[in-house]
PDB file of N, CA and C in Angstrom:
ATOM      1  N   MET A   1     111.048 162.935  73.874  1.00  0.00           N
ATOM      2  CA  MET A   1     112.052 163.659  73.691  1.00  0.00           C
ATOM      3  C   MET A   1     113.397 163.590  72.277  1.00  0.00           C
ATOM      4  N   GLN A   2     112.429 163.536  71.031  1.00  0.00           N
ATOM      5  CA  GLN A   2     114.023 161.869  70.395  1.00  0.00           C
ATOM      6  C   GLN A   2     114.959 163.594  70.070  1.00  0.00           C
ATOM      7  N   GLY A   3     116.029 163.124  69.083  1.00  0.00           N
ATOM      8  CA  GLY A   3     116.325 163.655  68.368  1.00  0.00           C
ATOM      9  C   GLY A   3     117.375 164.980  68.911  1.00  0.00           C
ATOM     10  N   PRO A   4     117.545 166.158  67.777  1.00  0.00           N
ATOM     11  CA  PRO A   4     118.339 167.546  67.872  1.00  0.00           C
ATOM     12  C   PRO A   4     117.032 168.201  69.147  1.00  0.00           C
ATOM     13  N   LEU A   5     116.096 167.966  69.142  1.00  0.00           N
ATOM     14  CA  LEU A   5     115.347 168.441  70.489  1.00  0.00           C
ATOM     15  C   LEU A   5     115.762 168.169  71.766  1.00  0.00           C
ATOM     16  N   ALA A   6     115.786 166.501  71.748  1.00  0.00           N
ATOM     17  CA  ALA A   6     116.147 166.754  72.951  1.00  0.00           C
ATOM     18  C   ALA A   6     117.593 166.458  73.286  1.00  0.00           C
ATOM     19  N   THR A   7     118.487 166.432  72.075  1.00  0.00           N
ATOM     20  CA  THR A   7     119.447 167.191  72.111  1.00  0.00           C
ATOM     21  C   THR A   7     120.053 169.015  72.934  1.00  0.00           C
ATOM     22  N   LEU A   8     119.049 169.254  72.532  1.00  0.00           N
ATOM     23  CA  LEU A   8     118.800 171.139  72.690  1.00  0.00           C
ATOM     24  C   LEU A   8     118.362 171.567  73.685  1.00  0.00           C
ATOM     25  N   LEU A   9     117.273 170.750  74.388  1.00  0.00           N
ATOM     26  CA  LEU A   9     117.409 170.724  76.030  1.00  0.00           C
ATOM     27  C   LEU A   9     117.742 170.216  76.465  1.00  0.00           C
ATOM     28  N   VAL A  10     119.432 169.192  76.818  1.00  0.00           N
ATOM     29  CA  VAL A  10     119.651 169.195  77.014  1.00  0.00           C
ATOM     30  C   VAL A  10     120.951 170.058  77.342  1.00  0.00           C
ATOM     31  N   ASN A  11     121.359 170.668  76.072  1.00  0.00           N
ATOM     32  CA  ASN A  11     122.159 171.761  75.717  1.00  0.00           C
ATOM     33  C   ASN A  11     122.314 173.253  76.580  1.00  0.00           C
ATOM     34  N   LEU A  12     120.501 173.076  77.262  1.00  0.00           N
ATOM     35  CA  LEU A  12     120.444 173.880  77.666  1.00  0.00           C
ATOM     36  C   LEU A  12     120.056 174.115  79.706  1.00  0.00           C
ATOM     37  N   ALA A  13     120.293 172.897  79.285  1.00  0.00           N
ATOM     38  CA  ALA A  13     120.338 173.009  80.866  1.00  0.00           C
ATOM     39  C   ALA A  13     120.739 171.163  81.549  1.00  0.00           C
ATOM     40  N   LEU A  14     121.809 171.379  80.684  1.00  0.00           N
ATOM     41  CA  LEU A  14     122.873 170.201  80.841  1.00  0.00           C
ATOM     42  C   LEU A  14     122.498 169.610  82.967  1.00  0.00           C
ATOM     43  N   GLU A  15     122.358 170.419  83.831  1.00  0.00           N
ATOM     44  CA  GLU A  15     122.210 169.612  85.162  1.00  0.00           C
ATOM     45  C   GLU A  15     120.813 169.375  84.883  1.00  0.00           C
ATOM     46  N   VAL A  16     120.477 169.086  85.039  1.00  0.00           N
ATOM     47  CA  VAL A  16     118.655 169.087  84.847  1.00  0.00           C
ATOM     48  C   VAL A  16     119.025 167.815  83.654  1.00  0.00           C
ATOM     49  N   TYR A  17     119.158 168.103  82.967  1.00  0.00           N
ATOM     50  CA  TYR A  17     118.219 167.355  81.751  1.00  0.00           C
ATOM     51  C   TYR A  17     119.282 166.120  81.498  1.00  0.00           C
ATOM     52  N   GLY A  18     120.872 166.088  81.714  1.00  0.00           N
ATOM     53  CA  GLY A  18     121.751 165.426  80.969  1.00  0.00           C
ATOM     54  C   GLY A  18     121.612 164.109  81.828  1.00  0.00           C
ATOM     55  N   PRO A  19     121.687 164.050  83.036  1.00  0.00           N
ATOM     56  CA  PRO A  19     121.550 162.983  83.058  1.00  0.00           C
ATOM     57  C   PRO A  19     120.327 161.645  82.688  1.00  0.00           C
ATOM     58  N   TYR A  20     119.806 162.357  82.213  1.00  0.00           N
ATOM     59  CA  TYR A  20     118.317 161.549  81.374  1.00  0.00           C
ATOM     60  C   TYR A  20     118.338 160.979  79.963  1.00  0.00           C
ATOM     61  N   LEU A  21     119.002 161.812  79.436  1.00  0.00           N
ATOM     62  CA  LEU A  21     119.461 161.766  77.862  1.00  0.00           C
ATOM     63  C   LEU A  21     120.790 160.089  77.834  1.00  0.00           C
ATOM     64  N   LYS A  22     119.399 158.958  76.719  1.00  0.00           N
ATOM     65  CA  LYS A  22     119.764 158.132  76.630  1.00  0.00           C
ATOM     66  C   LYS A  22     119.989 158.227  75.472  1.00  0.00           C
ATOM     67  N   LYS A  23     120.288 156.752  74.605  1.00  0.00           N
ATOM     68  CA  LYS A  23     120.441 157.184  73.127  1.00  0.00           C
ATOM     69  C   LYS A  23     119.154 155.617  72.464  1.00  0.00           C
ATOM     70  N   ASP A  24     118.257 155.686  71.929  1.00  0.00           N
ATOM     71  CA  ASP A  24     117.935 154.848  71.399  1.00  0.00           C
ATOM     72  C   ASP A  24     118.787 153.598  70.029  1.00  0.00           C
ATOM     73  N   LYS A  25     117.957 152.838  69.719  1.00  0.00           N
ATOM     74  CA  LYS A  25     118.468 151.440  69.718  1.00  0.00           C
ATOM     75  C   LYS A  25     119.981 152.169  68.092  1.00  0.00           C
ATOM     76  N   HIS A  26     119.031 153.371  67.356  1.00  0.00           N
ATOM     77  CA  HIS A  26     119.994 153.740  66.680  1.00  0.00           C
ATOM     78  C   HIS A  26     120.898 154.167  67.033  1.00  0.00           C
ATOM     79  N   GLY A  27     121.400 154.039  67.886  1.00  0.00           N
ATOM     80  CA  GLY A  27     122.464 155.634  68.342  1.00  0.00           C
ATOM     81  C   GLY A  27     121.672 157.122  68.684  1.00  0.00           C
ATOM     82  N   HIS A  28     120.653 157.179  68.686  1.00  0.00           N
ATOM     83  CA  HIS A  28     120.196 158.970  68.384  1.00  0.00           C
ATOM     84  C   HIS A  28     119.860 158.726  69.076  1.00  0.00           C
ATOM     85  N   PRO A  29     120.128 160.344  70.268  1.00  0.00           N
ATOM     86  CA  PRO A  29     119.216 160.576  71.980  1.00  0.00           C
ATOM     87  C   PRO A  29     117.566 160.697  71.795  1.00  0.00           C
ATOM     88  N   VAL A  30     118.235 160.577  73.704  1.00  0.00           N
ATOM     89  CA  VAL A  30     115.614 160.177  72.992  1.00  0.00           C
ATOM     90  C   VAL A  30     116.764 160.793  74.964  1.00  0.00           C
ATOM     91  N   LEU A  31     115.239 161.286  75.032  1.00  0.00           N
ATOM     92  CA  LEU A  31     115.318 161.811  76.938  1.00  0.00           C
ATOM     93  C   LEU A  31     112.880 161.768  77.037  1.00  0.00           C
ATOM     94  N   TYR A  32     113.655 160.884  77.853  1.00  0.00           N
ATOM     95  CA  TYR A  32     112.256 160.946  78.713  1.00  0.00           C
ATOM     96  C   TYR A  32     112.092 161.523  79.532  1.00  0.00           C
ATOM     97  N   ILE A  33     111.548 162.158  80.178  1.00  0.00           N
ATOM     98  CA  ILE A  33     110.250 163.196  80.433  1.00  0.00           C
ATOM     99  C   ILE A  33     109.209 162.810  80.955  1.00  0.00           C
ATOM    100  N   HIS A  34     109.018 162.954  81.836  1.00  0.00           N
ATOM    101  CA  HIS A  34     107.811 163.773  82.565  1.00  0.00           C
ATOM    102  C   HIS A  34     107.012 164.864  82.520  1.00  0.00           C
ATOM    103  N   ILE A  35     106.206 164.318  82.196  1.00  0.00           N
ATOM    104  CA  ILE A  35     105.159 165.702  81.808  1.00  0.00           C
ATOM    105  C   ILE A  35     103.983 165.937  82.552  1.00  0.00           C
ATOM    106  N   LEU A  36     103.613 167.278  83.240  1.00  0.00           N
ATOM    107  CA  LEU A  36     103.051 168.163  84.451  1.00  0.00           C
ATOM    108  C   LEU A  36     101.647 168.389  83.974  1.00  0.00           C
ATOM    109  N   ASN A  37     101.986 168.905  83.167  1.00  0.00           N
ATOM    110  CA  ASN A  37     100.705 169.502  82.374  1.00  0.00           C
ATOM    111  C   ASN A  37     100.350 169.144  80.519  1.00  0.00           C
ATOM    112  N   ALA A  38      99.458 169.193  80.134  1.00  0.00           N
ATOM    113  CA  ALA A  38      99.423 168.793  78.486  1.00  0.00           C
ATOM    114  C   ALA A  38     100.354 169.771  77.891  1.00  0.00           C
ATOM    115  N   MET A  39     100.900 169.212  76.524  1.00  0.00           N
ATOM    116  CA  MET A  39     101.633 169.880  75.725  1.00  0.00           C
ATOM    117  C   MET A  39     101.123 169.851  74.439  1.00  0.00           C
ATOM    118  N   TYR A  40      99.976 171.131  73.811  1.00  0.00           N
ATOM    119  CA  TYR A  40      98.844 171.980  72.816  1.00  0.00           C
ATOM    120  C   TYR A  40     100.150 170.877  72.195  1.00  0.00           C
ATOM    121  N   GLY A  41      99.712 170.726  71.111  1.00  0.00           N
ATOM    122  CA  GLY A  41      99.579 170.671  69.549  1.00  0.00           C
ATOM    123  C   GLY A  41     101.169 169.864  68.670  1.00  0.00           C
ATOM    124  N   ILE A  42     101.490 169.264  70.013  1.00  0.00           N
ATOM    125  CA  ILE A  42     101.742 167.977  69.277  1.00  0.00           C
ATOM    126  C   ILE A  42     101.328 166.626  69.618  1.00  0.00           C
ATOM    127  N   MET A  43     101.223 166.351  68.418  1.00  0.00           N
ATOM    128  CA  MET A  43     100.259 164.932  67.614  1.00  0.00           C
ATOM    129  C   MET A  43     100.425 163.326  69.143  1.00  0.00           C
ATOM    130  N   LYS A  44     101.474 163.312  69.111  1.00  0.00           N
ATOM    131  CA  LYS A  44     102.561 162.247  69.883  1.00  0.00           C
ATOM    132  C   LYS A  44     101.944 162.357  71.561  1.00  0.00           C
ATOM    133  N   VAL A  45     101.778 163.291  71.510  1.00  0.00           N
ATOM    134  CA  VAL A  45     101.165 163.764  72.937  1.00  0.00           C
ATOM    135  C   VAL A  45     100.125 163.882  73.122  1.00  0.00           C
ATOM    136  N   VAL A  46      99.341 163.804  72.664  1.00  0.00           N
ATOM    137  CA  VAL A  46      97.784 163.713  72.500  1.00  0.00           C
ATOM    138  C   VAL A  46      97.214 162.181  72.264  1.00  0.00           C
ATOM    139  N   LEU A  47      98.258 161.709  70.960  1.00  0.00           N
ATOM    140  CA  LEU A  47      97.794 160.323  71.279  1.00  0.00           C
ATOM    141  C   LEU A  47      97.879 159.070  72.531  1.00  0.00           C
ATOM    142  N   LEU A  48      98.886 159.784  73.171  1.00  0.00           N
ATOM    143  CA  LEU A  48      99.584 159.157  74.563  1.00  0.00           C
ATOM    144  C   LEU A  48      98.378 159.426  74.760  1.00  0.00           C
ATOM    145  N   TYR A  49      98.217 160.895  75.750  1.00  0.00           N
ATOM    146  CA  TYR A  49      97.071 160.621  77.043  1.00  0.00           C
ATOM    147  C   TYR A  49      95.605 159.951  76.118  1.00  0.00           C
ATOM    148  N   TYR A  50      95.307 159.623  74.968  1.00  0.00           N
ATOM    149  CA  TYR A  50      94.490 159.495  74.091  1.00  0.00           C
ATOM    150  C   TYR A  50      94.538 157.924  74.581  1.00  0.00           C
ATOM    151  N   GLN A  51      95.441 157.649  74.323  1.00  0.00           N
ATOM    152  CA  GLN A  51      95.865 155.562  75.425  1.00  0.00           C
ATOM    153  C   GLN A  51      95.404 155.926  76.363  1.00  0.00           C
ATOM    154  N   CYS A  52      95.807 156.561  76.977  1.00  0.00           N
ATOM    155  CA  CYS A  52      96.292 156.225  79.151  1.00  0.00           C
ATOM    156  C   CYS A  52      95.070 156.579  78.675  1.00  0.00           C
ATOM    157  N   PHE A  53      94.087 157.859  78.625  1.00  0.00           N
ATOM    158  CA  PHE A  53      93.170 157.546  78.855  1.00  0.00           C
ATOM    159  C   PHE A  53      91.188 156.244  78.716  1.00  0.00           C
ATOM    160  N   MET A  54      92.090 156.126  77.652  1.00  0.00           N
ATOM    161  CA  MET A  54      90.983 154.883  77.124  1.00  0.00           C
ATOM    162  C   MET A  54      91.322 153.568  78.166  1.00  0.00           C
ATOM    163  N   ALA A  55      92.436 153.381  78.265  1.00  0.00           N
ATOM    164  CA  ALA A  55      92.893 152.443  79.524  1.00  0.00           C
ATOM    165  C   ALA A  55      92.048 152.503  80.763  1.00  0.00           C
ATOM    166  N   ASP A  56      92.421 153.779  80.988  1.00  0.00           N
ATOM    167  CA  ASP A  56      91.286 154.629  83.023  1.00  0.00           C
ATOM    168  C   ASP A  56      90.295 153.603  83.136  1.00  0.00           C
ATOM    169  N   ILE A  57      89.552 154.392  81.531  1.00  0.00           N
ATOM    170  CA  ILE A  57      87.976 154.432  81.527  1.00  0.00           C
ATOM    171  C   ILE A  57      87.462 153.181  81.667  1.00  0.00           C
ATOM    172  N   GLN A  58      88.246 151.798  80.724  1.00  0.00           N
ATOM    173  CA  GLN A  58      87.991 151.089  80.278  1.00  0.00           C
ATOM    174  C   GLN A  58      87.889 149.871  81.453  1.00  0.00           C
ATOM    175  N   GLY A  59      89.584 150.859  82.421  1.00  0.00           N
ATOM    176  CA  GLY A  59      89.512 149.765  83.671  1.00  0.00           C
ATOM    177  C   GLY A  59      88.161 149.642  84.568  1.00  0.00           C
ATOM    178  N   ILE A  60      87.711 150.402  84.528  1.00  0.00           N
ATOM    179  CA  ILE A  60      86.421 151.159  85.084  1.00  0.00           C
ATOM    180  C   ILE A  60      85.231 150.656  84.091  1.00  0.00           C
ATOM    181  N   SER A  61      85.585 149.783  83.513  1.00  0.00           N
ATOM    182  CA  SER A  61      84.027 149.158  82.944  1.00  0.00           C
ATOM    183  C   SER A  61      83.140 150.002  81.824  1.00  0.00           C
ATOM    184  N   PHE A  62      84.232 151.139  81.634  1.00  0.00           N
ATOM    185  CA  PHE A  62      83.524 151.782  80.220  1.00  0.00           C
ATOM    186  C   PHE A  62      83.908 150.798  79.154  1.00  0.00           C
ATOM    187  N   LYS A  63      82.805 151.097  77.900  1.00  0.00           N
ATOM    188  CA  LYS A  63      83.144 150.379  76.686  1.00  0.00           C
ATOM    189  C   LYS A  63      82.831 152.021  75.529  1.00  0.00           C
ATOM    190  N   LEU A  64      83.858 151.628  74.912  1.00  0.00           N
ATOM    191  CA  LEU A  64      84.646 152.550  73.813  1.00  0.00           C
ATOM    192  C   LEU A  64      83.342 152.404  72.992  1.00  0.00           C
ATOM    193  N   ASN A  65      82.080 153.386  71.998  1.00  0.00           N
ATOM    194  CA  ASN A  65      81.599 153.933  71.020  1.00  0.00           C
ATOM    195  C   ASN A  65      82.402 153.325  69.982  1.00  0.00           C
ATOM    196  N   PRO A  66      81.851 152.105  69.289  1.00  0.00           N
ATOM    197  CA  PRO A  66      82.056 152.161  67.877  1.00  0.00           C
ATOM    198  C   PRO A  66      82.239 152.872  66.633  1.00  0.00           C
ATOM    199  N   TYR A  67      81.499 153.693  66.941  1.00  0.00           N
ATOM    200  CA  TYR A  67      81.184 155.029  66.145  1.00  0.00           C
ATOM    201  C   TYR A  67      81.706 156.566  66.155  1.00  0.00           C
ATOM    202  N   ASP A  68      82.022 156.307  67.303  1.00  0.00           N
ATOM    203  CA  ASP A  68      82.562 157.609  67.385  1.00  0.00           C
ATOM    204  C   ASP A  68      83.902 157.516  68.949  1.00  0.00           C
ATOM    205  N   PRO A  69      84.595 157.813  68.804  1.00  0.00           N
ATOM    206  CA  PRO A  69      86.040 157.255  69.470  1.00  0.00           C
ATOM    207  C   PRO A  69      86.615 157.992  70.559  1.00  0.00           C
ATOM    208  N   CYS A  70      85.166 158.976  70.632  1.00  0.00           N
ATOM    209  CA  CYS A  70      85.324 160.247  71.650  1.00  0.00           C
ATOM    210  C   CYS A  70      84.627 159.946  72.383  1.00  0.00           C
ATOM    211  N   VAL A  71      83.730 158.974  72.357  1.00  0.00           N
ATOM    212  CA  VAL A  71      82.490 158.406  73.425  1.00  0.00           C
ATOM    213  C   VAL A  71      82.032 157.113  74.532  1.00  0.00           C
ATOM    214  N   ALA A  72      82.501 157.051  75.473  1.00  0.00           N
ATOM    215  CA  ALA A  72      81.853 156.227  76.041  1.00  0.00           C
ATOM    216  C   ALA A  72      80.993 155.942  76.775  1.00  0.00           C
ATOM    217  N   ASN A  73      80.186 154.442  77.184  1.00  0.00           N
ATOM    218  CA  ASN A  73      78.824 154.742  77.764  1.00  0.00           C
ATOM    219  C   ASN A  73      79.347 153.536  78.985  1.00  0.00           C
ATOM    220  N   LYS A  74      78.622 153.355  80.303  1.00  0.00           N
ATOM    221  CA  LYS A  74      78.579 152.353  81.265  1.00  0.00           C
ATOM    222  C   LYS A  74      78.230 152.215  82.096  1.00  0.00           C
ATOM    223  N   LEU A  75      77.145 151.125  82.343  1.00  0.00           N
ATOM    224  CA  LEU A  75      75.703 151.263  83.034  1.00  0.00           C
ATOM    225  C   LEU A  75      75.979 151.531  84.302  1.00  0.00           C
ATOM    226  N   VAL A  76      75.069 152.519  85.748  1.00  0.00           N
ATOM    227  CA  VAL A  76      75.648 152.402  86.197  1.00  0.00           C
ATOM    228  C   VAL A  76      74.002 152.779  87.504  1.00  0.00           C
ATOM    229  N   ASP A  77      73.335 152.261  87.755  1.00  0.00           N
ATOM    230  CA  ASP A  77      71.791 151.463  88.536  1.00  0.00           C
ATOM    231  C   ASP A  77      71.142 151.377  87.310  1.00  0.00           C
ATOM    232  N   GLY A  78      71.452 151.096  86.080  1.00  0.00           N
ATOM    233  CA  GLY A  78      71.088 150.731  85.128  1.00  0.00           C
ATOM    234  C   GLY A  78      70.936 151.777  84.473  1.00  0.00           C
ATOM    235  N   LYS A  79      71.060 152.261  84.227  1.00  0.00           N
ATOM    236  CA  LYS A  79      71.273 153.881  83.335  1.00  0.00           C
ATOM    237  C   LYS A  79      72.897 153.998  82.687  1.00  0.00           C
ATOM    238  N   GLU A  80      72.094 154.538  81.187  1.00  0.00           N
ATOM    239  CA  GLU A  80      73.900 154.779  80.858  1.00  0.00           C
ATOM    240  C   GLU A  80      74.102 156.019  81.708  1.00  0.00           C
ATOM    241  N   LEU A  81      75.693 155.694  81.999  1.00  0.00           N
ATOM    242  CA  LEU A  81      76.898 157.344  82.463  1.00  0.00           C
ATOM    243  C   LEU A  81      77.122 157.446  80.944  1.00  0.00           C
ATOM    244  N   THR A  82      77.712 157.884  80.539  1.00  0.00           N
ATOM    245  CA  THR A  82      77.816 158.525  79.165  1.00  0.00           C
ATOM    246  C   THR A  82      78.569 159.946  78.872  1.00  0.00           C
ATOM    247  N   LEU A  83      80.366 159.539  78.573  1.00  0.00           N
ATOM    248  CA  LEU A  83      81.400 160.580  78.997  1.00  0.00           C
ATOM    249  C   LEU A  83      81.657 160.431  76.997  1.00  0.00           C
ATOM    250  N   VAL A  84      81.824 162.527  77.100  1.00  0.00           N
ATOM    251  CA  VAL A  84      81.842 162.909  75.833  1.00  0.00           C
ATOM    252  C   VAL A  84      82.965 163.582  75.841  1.00  0.00           C
ATOM    253  N   TRP A  85      84.788 163.851  74.793  1.00  0.00           N
ATOM    254  CA  TRP A  85      85.269 164.392  75.114  1.00  0.00           C
ATOM    255  C   TRP A  85      85.602 164.792  73.881  1.00  0.00           C
ATOM    256  N   HIS A  86      86.948 165.619  74.113  1.00  0.00           N
ATOM    257  CA  HIS A  86      87.989 166.374  73.682  1.00  0.00           C
ATOM    258  C   HIS A  86      89.261 166.805  74.051  1.00  0.00           C
ATOM    259  N   VAL A  87      90.207 165.935  73.846  1.00  0.00           N
ATOM    260  CA  VAL A  87      91.282 166.332  74.489  1.00  0.00           C
ATOM    261  C   VAL A  87      91.048 165.848  76.284  1.00  0.00           C
ATOM    262  N   ASP A  88      91.149 167.211  76.497  1.00  0.00           N
ATOM    263  CA  ASP A  88      90.809 166.656  77.604  1.00  0.00           C
ATOM    264  C   ASP A  88      89.900 167.444  78.485  1.00  0.00           C
ATOM    265  N   ASP A  89      88.689 168.446  77.546  1.00  0.00           N
ATOM    266  CA  ASP A  89      87.956 168.011  78.169  1.00  0.00           C
ATOM    267  C   ASP A  89      86.142 167.380  78.337  1.00  0.00           C
ATOM    268  N   ILE A  90      86.379 166.952  78.675  1.00  0.00           N
ATOM    269  CA  ILE A  90      85.489 165.731  79.606  1.00  0.00           C
ATOM    270  C   ILE A  90      83.416 166.354  79.772  1.00  0.00           C
ATOM    271  N   LYS A  91      82.836 165.688  79.285  1.00  0.00           N
ATOM    272  CA  LYS A  91      81.105 166.187  79.774  1.00  0.00           C
ATOM    273  C   LYS A  91      80.682 164.586  79.879  1.00  0.00           C
ATOM    274  N   ALA A  92      80.419 164.534  80.996  1.00  0.00           N
ATOM    275  CA  ALA A  92      79.309 163.215  81.541  1.00  0.00           C
ATOM    276  C   ALA A  92      78.476 163.497  81.370  1.00  0.00           C
ATOM    277  N   SER A  93      77.356 162.702  81.714  1.00  0.00           N
ATOM    278  CA  SER A  93      76.443 162.615  81.920  1.00  0.00           C
ATOM    279  C   SER A  93      75.319 161.897  82.092  1.00  0.00           C
ATOM    280  N   HIS A  94      74.524 161.252  82.867  1.00  0.00           N
ATOM    281  CA  HIS A  94      73.964 160.795  83.939  1.00  0.00           C
ATOM    282  C   HIS A  94      72.412 161.228  84.457  1.00  0.00           C
ATOM    283  N   CYS A  95      71.630 160.548  85.021  1.00  0.00           N
ATOM    284  CA  CYS A  95      70.103 161.242  85.268  1.00  0.00           C
ATOM    285  C   CYS A  95      70.514 160.727  86.905  1.00  0.00           C
ATOM    286  N   SER A  96      71.401 161.019  87.342  1.00  0.00           N
ATOM    287  CA  SER A  96      71.920 160.977  88.211  1.00  0.00           C
ATOM    288  C   SER A  96      72.845 161.547  88.457  1.00  0.00           C
ATOM    289  N   LYS A  97      73.102 162.574  89.760  1.00  0.00           N
ATOM    290  CA  LYS A  97      73.907 163.884  89.470  1.00  0.00           C
ATOM    291  C   LYS A  97      74.568 162.660  91.090  1.00  0.00           C
ATOM    292  N   GLN A  98      74.342 162.604  91.647  1.00  0.00           N
ATOM    293  CA  GLN A  98      75.653 161.334  92.419  1.00  0.00           C
ATOM    294  C   GLN A  98      76.609 160.883  92.268  1.00  0.00           C
ATOM    295  N   VAL A  99      75.501 160.150  90.764  1.00  0.00           N
ATOM    296  CA  VAL A  99      76.648 159.015  89.793  1.00  0.00           C
ATOM    297  C   VAL A  99      77.962 160.099  89.183  1.00  0.00           C
ATOM    298  N   VAL A 100      77.309 161.392  88.243  1.00  0.00           N
ATOM    299  CA  VAL A 100      78.114 162.131  87.905  1.00  0.00           C
ATOM    300  C   VAL A 100      78.926 162.639  88.682  1.00  0.00           C
ATOM    301  N   SER A 101      78.991 163.323  90.255  1.00  0.00           N
ATOM    302  CA  SER A 101      79.678 163.493  90.840  1.00  0.00           C
ATOM    303  C   SER A 101      81.181 162.271  91.596  1.00  0.00           C
ATOM    304  N   ASN A 102      80.504 160.988  91.670  1.00  0.00           N
ATOM    305  CA  ASN A 102      81.440 159.633  91.787  1.00  0.00           C
ATOM    306  C   ASN A 102      81.866 159.794  90.433  1.00  0.00           C
ATOM    307  N   TYR A 103      82.110 160.023  89.134  1.00  0.00           N
ATOM    308  CA  TYR A 103      82.980 159.933  88.724  1.00  0.00           C
ATOM    309  C   TYR A 103      83.875 161.065  88.786  1.00  0.00           C
ATOM    310  N   ILE A 104      83.307 162.418  88.909  1.00  0.00           N
ATOM    311  CA  ILE A 104      84.289 163.714  89.041  1.00  0.00           C
ATOM    312  C   ILE A 104      85.221 163.589  89.916  1.00  0.00           C
ATOM    313  N   GLU A 105      84.774 162.450  91.068  1.00  0.00           N
ATOM    314  CA  GLU A 105      86.013 161.799  92.323  1.00  0.00           C
ATOM    315  C   GLU A 105      86.924 161.447  91.869  1.00  0.00           C
ATOM    316  N   TRP A 106      85.671 160.598  90.714  1.00  0.00           N
ATOM    317  CA  TRP A 106      87.776 159.398  90.007  1.00  0.00           C
ATOM    318  C   TRP A 106      88.723 159.971  89.484  1.00  0.00           C
ATOM    319  N   LEU A 107      87.452 160.434  88.529  1.00  0.00           N
ATOM    320  CA  LEU A 107      88.602 162.096  88.344  1.00  0.00           C
ATOM    321  C   LEU A 107      89.977 162.776  88.407  1.00  0.00           C
ATOM    322  N   HIS A 108      89.370 163.803  89.826  1.00  0.00           N
ATOM    323  CA  HIS A 108      89.985 164.637  90.333  1.00  0.00           C
ATOM    324  C   HIS A 108      90.891 163.141  91.247  1.00  0.00           C
ATOM    325  N   LYS A 109      90.717 161.880  92.152  1.00  0.00           N
ATOM    326  CA  LYS A 109      91.431 161.503  91.828  1.00  0.00           C
ATOM    327  C   LYS A 109      92.398 160.377  91.293  1.00  0.00           C
ATOM    328  N   THR A 110      92.185 160.037  90.309  1.00  0.00           N
ATOM    329  CA  THR A 110      93.459 159.541  88.941  1.00  0.00           C
ATOM    330  C   THR A 110      94.048 160.556  87.962  1.00  0.00           C
ATOM    331  N   TYR A 111      93.428 161.712  88.430  1.00  0.00           N
ATOM    332  CA  TYR A 111      93.887 162.671  87.478  1.00  0.00           C
ATOM    333  C   TYR A 111      94.971 163.817  88.456  1.00  0.00           C
ATOM    334  N   LYS A 112      94.540 163.829  89.652  1.00  0.00           N
ATOM    335  CA  LYS A 112      95.003 164.820  90.084  1.00  0.00           C
ATOM    336  C   LYS A 112      96.559 165.410  90.214  1.00  0.00           C
ATOM    337  N   CYS A 113      97.060 164.694  90.136  1.00  0.00           N
ATOM    338  CA  CYS A 113      98.554 165.989  89.718  1.00  0.00           C
ATOM    339  C   CYS A 113      98.314 166.328  88.312  1.00  0.00           C
ATOM    340  N   ILE A 114      97.960 166.460  87.782  1.00  0.00           N
ATOM    341  CA  ILE A 114      97.575 167.291  86.155  1.00  0.00           C
ATOM    342  C   ILE A 114      96.910 168.994  86.208  1.00  0.00           C
ATOM    343  N   PHE A 115      96.004 169.154  86.805  1.00  0.00           N
ATOM    344  CA  PHE A 115      95.292 170.147  86.781  1.00  0.00           C
ATOM    345  C   PHE A 115      95.721 171.008  87.641  1.00  0.00           C
ATOM    346  N   GLU A 116      95.991 171.413  86.523  1.00  0.00           N
ATOM    347  CA  GLU A 116      96.438 173.654  85.999  1.00  0.00           C
ATOM    348  C   GLU A 116      96.779 173.701  86.856  1.00  0.00           C
ATOM    349  N   ASP A 117      96.723 174.544  88.431  1.00  0.00           N
ATOM    350  CA  ASP A 117      97.230 174.939  89.258  1.00  0.00           C
ATOM    351  C   ASP A 117      97.749 173.695  90.839  1.00  0.00           C
ATOM    352  N   ARG A 118      98.549 172.328  90.341  1.00  0.00           N
ATOM    353  CA  ARG A 118      98.226 171.266  90.663  1.00  0.00           C
ATOM    354  C   ARG A 118      97.532 170.990  92.416  1.00  0.00           C
ATOM    355  N   SER A 119      96.966 172.043  92.225  1.00  0.00           N
ATOM    356  CA  SER A 119      95.886 172.236  93.320  1.00  0.00           C
ATOM    357  C   SER A 119      94.971 170.530  94.020  1.00  0.00           C
ATOM    358  N   GLY A 120      94.559 169.907  92.877  1.00  0.00           N
ATOM    359  CA  GLY A 120      94.050 168.780  92.575  1.00  0.00           C
ATOM    360  C   GLY A 120      92.390 169.985  92.469  1.00  0.00           C
ATOM    361  N   ALA A 121      92.146 170.104  93.051  1.00  0.00           N
ATOM    362  CA  ALA A 121      91.168 171.996  92.276  1.00  0.00           C
ATOM    363  C   ALA A 121      90.515 171.256  91.171  1.00  0.00           C
ATOM    364  N   LEU A 122      89.019 170.787  91.316  1.00  0.00           N
ATOM    365  CA  LEU A 122      87.970 170.871  89.060  1.00  0.00           C
ATOM    366  C   LEU A 122      87.816 172.037  89.455  1.00  0.00           C
ATOM    367  N   LYS A 123      88.026 172.546  88.189  1.00  0.00           N
ATOM    368  CA  LYS A 123      87.920 173.950  87.661  1.00  0.00           C
ATOM    369  C   LYS A 123      86.152 173.660  87.296  1.00  0.00           C
ATOM    370  N   ILE A 124      85.394 174.315  87.455  1.00  0.00           N
ATOM    371  CA  ILE A 124      84.048 174.202  86.940  1.00  0.00           C
ATOM    372  C   ILE A 124      83.767 175.021  85.235  1.00  0.00           C
ATOM    373  N   SER A 125      83.453 175.116  84.629  1.00  0.00           N
ATOM    374  CA  SER A 125      82.771 176.279  83.357  1.00  0.00           C
ATOM    375  C   SER A 125      81.209 176.029  83.365  1.00  0.00           C
TER     376      SER A 125
END
């Protein structure tokens, strides 16, 4: 958080946030925070999430679709595992149920700390 918003948060809870208030190179207040849940509606947060998710899936050999920035593919057992997503809603498809289950397990392990109830339990809808 930057500028007046960072200052406001520190003023609301000095004992909690005060120690983390810093200044950027221009002397403006900056507050570095760790977010446990997504903050929808803040474009910068969405971009940071996207960049993090891209790095994570590319790290396990997914290739981004050059025509759609929210589609990625990976060959598993000679067939494509395809991911399609919008923000943090992800659809995974493969002809093998076990391949999809393995991907879900990877998601669970990688993002356990940010599931809604913090239990790490996946919500199936």
